[in-house]
Amino acid sequence: MPLLSDHVNVYSSCIALLDLQGWKIKVDFGAYEKDDNEPIIYTATRDETIIKAEDPLRLLGLAAIDEHHKPHGNAPYWWNIKSKPIHLLQKLEDEALERSFFTYKEKHPKDCNKLVENAISESKIDPTIKPHERLGISKSSFDKIIKEKNAKFNL
């Protein structure tokens, strides 16, 4: 399966693609005397649209949003795209955090147990935040952990 990831070695391809799409690109550097003379901002202009980003990959992403909404005028939040499942980004991040938690649980069961116990204790002190929320996992996953823990100790 081909793999492409965010890395500085794809920046020139991003700039080339933006150029092929008709964007006029400019790079603004910091002060000449700076030791690290890194670009501060990449700017691309096409038609009436100006996009700015910290690197060419982000610039290309913003150009894709502009292309998706053409024509968009200058209405507030013209760049917003509604995802099919509502709050898709939040859902994906929640799933990633939960996977990370269970990977940690496999590698460090005792430490994970302490985290669960601390989350329960902290929720007793401040019940506005539930233990599963403190851990960044779903309620059903938390309930499963508690059930496993109770079964282990025959509670």
Protein backbone atom coordinates (compact mmCIF):
# COMPACT_ATOMS: atom_id res chain seq x y z
CA MET A 1 0.00 0.00 0.00
CA PRO A 2 1.47 3.41 -0.93
CA LEU A 3 2.32 5.67 2.00
CA LEU A 4 2.50 9.44 1.97
CA SER A 5 2.99 11.41 5.17
CA ASP A 6 3.64 14.90 6.44
CA HIS A 7 7.34 15.47 5.93
CA VAL A 8 9.53 18.28 4.64
CA ASN A 9 10.50 16.13 1.64
CA VAL A 10 6.97 16.55 0.15
CA TYR A 11 7.00 20.37 0.38
CA SER A 12 8.36 20.90 -3.13
CA SER A 13 5.61 18.66 -4.53
CA CYS A 14 3.01 20.73 -2.68
CA ILE A 15 4.43 23.97 -4.10
CA ALA A 16 4.57 22.43 -7.60
CA LEU A 17 0.93 21.31 -7.36
CA LEU A 18 -0.22 24.73 -6.14
CA ASP A 19 1.67 26.33 -9.04
CA LEU A 20 0.03 23.92 -11.53
CA GLN A 21 -3.37 24.88 -10.07
CA GLY A 22 -2.68 28.55 -10.84
CA TRP A 23 -1.76 29.82 -7.39
CA LYS A 24 0.88 32.57 -7.14
CA ILE A 25 3.13 31.63 -4.24
CA LYS A 26 5.28 33.84 -2.05
CA VAL A 27 7.47 33.02 0.95
CA ASP A 28 8.16 35.64 3.61
CA PHE A 29 11.24 35.22 5.80
CA GLY A 30 12.00 36.73 9.15
CA ALA A 31 14.68 39.30 9.78
CA TYR A 32 17.81 38.84 7.63
CA GLU A 33 20.03 38.80 10.69
CA LYS A 34 18.26 35.83 12.28
CA ASP A 35 20.46 32.77 12.70
CA ASP A 36 17.82 30.30 11.57
CA ASN A 37 16.42 32.29 8.60
CA GLU A 38 13.40 29.93 8.38
CA PRO A 39 10.35 30.98 6.37
CA ILE A 40 7.75 32.59 8.55
CA ILE A 41 4.76 32.36 6.24
CA TYR A 42 3.81 30.88 2.87
CA THR A 43 1.20 32.85 0.94
CA ALA A 44 -0.72 31.73 -2.14
CA THR A 45 -3.05 33.97 -4.16
CA ARG A 46 -5.49 33.00 -6.88
CA ASP A 47 -8.42 35.02 -8.16
CA GLU A 48 -9.65 36.93 -5.11
CA THR A 49 -8.49 34.38 -2.55
CA ILE A 50 -5.40 34.69 -0.35
CA ILE A 51 -4.32 31.76 1.78
CA LYS A 52 -1.49 31.71 4.33
CA ALA A 53 0.17 28.85 6.18
CA GLU A 54 3.30 27.90 8.09
CA ASP A 55 4.36 25.28 5.54
CA PRO A 56 3.52 24.19 1.96
CA LEU A 57 1.56 21.11 3.09
CA ARG A 58 -0.83 23.23 5.13
CA LEU A 59 -1.02 25.70 2.27
CA LEU A 60 -2.10 22.89 -0.06
CA GLY A 61 -4.77 21.80 2.43
CA LEU A 62 -6.18 25.32 2.58
CA ALA A 63 -6.14 25.48 -1.23
CA ALA A 64 -8.18 22.25 -1.31
CA ILE A 65 -10.79 23.85 0.96
CA ASP A 66 -10.92 26.88 -1.34
CA GLU A 67 -11.33 24.59 -4.36
CA HIS A 68 -14.13 22.64 -2.63
CA HIS A 69 -16.15 25.80 -2.04
CA LYS A 70 -15.63 27.57 -5.37
CA PRO A 71 -17.15 30.09 -5.76
CA HIS A 72 -17.39 31.15 -2.15
CA GLY A 73 -17.37 34.92 -2.03
CA ASN A 74 -16.41 36.34 1.32
CA ALA A 75 -19.24 35.11 3.55
CA PRO A 76 -18.36 34.42 7.20
CA TYR A 77 -17.04 30.90 7.70
CA TRP A 78 -17.17 30.20 3.95
CA TRP A 79 -14.42 27.60 4.49
CA ASN A 80 -16.51 25.42 6.83
CA ILE A 81 -17.27 21.88 5.60
CA LYS A 82 -19.96 19.86 7.34
CA SER A 83 -18.87 16.26 7.88
CA LYS A 84 -21.36 13.46 7.24
CA PRO A 85 -21.09 12.04 10.73
CA ILE A 86 -21.44 15.15 12.82
CA HIS A 87 -18.24 16.05 14.69
CA LEU A 88 -16.16 13.57 12.66
CA LEU A 89 -12.84 15.08 13.80
CA GLN A 90 -13.81 14.78 17.47
CA LYS A 91 -14.98 11.19 16.91
CA LEU A 92 -11.69 10.23 15.23
CA GLU A 93 -9.64 11.85 18.00
CA ASP A 94 -11.71 10.13 20.70
CA GLU A 95 -11.20 6.75 19.00
CA ALA A 96 -7.45 7.37 18.76
CA LEU A 97 -7.24 8.32 22.45
CA GLU A 98 -9.15 5.19 23.42
CA ARG A 99 -6.85 2.98 21.30
CA SER A 100 -3.86 4.69 22.93
CA PHE A 101 -5.30 4.04 26.40
CA PHE A 102 -5.77 0.32 25.71
CA THR A 103 -2.27 0.03 24.22
CA TYR A 104 -0.96 1.62 27.43
CA LYS A 105 -3.13 -0.76 29.47
CA GLU A 106 -1.57 -3.77 27.70
CA LYS A 107 1.99 -2.54 28.18
CA HIS A 108 1.62 -1.15 31.70
CA PRO A 109 -1.31 -2.86 33.45
CA LYS A 110 -0.31 -1.82 36.98
CA ASP A 111 0.20 1.82 36.00
CA CYS A 112 -3.08 1.77 34.11
CA ASN A 113 -4.83 0.35 37.15
CA LYS A 114 -3.51 3.28 39.18
CA LEU A 115 -4.83 5.70 36.55
CA VAL A 116 -8.28 4.12 36.77
CA GLU A 117 -8.23 4.25 40.57
CA ASN A 118 -7.12 7.90 40.51
CA ALA A 119 -9.85 8.79 38.02
CA ILE A 120 -12.44 7.19 40.30
CA SER A 121 -11.05 9.01 43.37
CA GLU A 122 -10.92 12.36 41.59
CA SER A 123 -14.49 11.91 40.39
CA LYS A 124 -15.63 11.38 43.96
CA ILE A 125 -14.05 14.74 44.85
CA ASP A 126 -15.40 16.47 41.74
CA PRO A 127 -18.36 14.50 40.37
CA THR A 128 -18.89 16.92 37.47
CA ILE A 129 -16.23 14.97 35.55
CA LYS A 130 -16.86 11.23 35.30
CA PRO A 131 -13.97 8.73 35.58
CA HIS A 132 -14.21 7.67 31.93
CA GLU A 133 -14.03 11.33 30.86
CA ARG A 134 -10.90 11.82 32.97
CA LEU A 135 -9.31 8.84 31.22
CA GLY A 136 -10.46 9.91 27.76
CA ILE A 137 -12.34 6.69 27.06
CA SER A 138 -15.98 5.79 26.44
CA LYS A 139 -18.30 4.89 29.30
CA SER A 140 -18.77 1.40 27.87
CA SER A 141 -15.01 0.82 27.80
CA PHE A 142 -14.68 2.11 31.34
CA ASP A 143 -17.50 -0.19 32.49
CA LYS A 144 -15.71 -3.11 30.80
CA ILE A 145 -12.49 -2.29 32.67
CA ILE A 146 -14.34 -2.14 35.99
CA LYS A 147 -16.09 -5.44 35.21
CA GLU A 148 -12.72 -7.08 34.40
CA LYS A 149 -11.21 -5.65 37.57
CA ASN A 150 -14.13 -6.91 39.70
CA ALA A 151 -13.94 -10.36 38.08
CA LYS A 152 -10.19 -10.52 38.75
CA PHE A 153 -10.77 -9.93 42.46
CA ASN A 154 -14.13 -11.79 42.58
CA LEU A 155 -15.96 -8.65 43.70
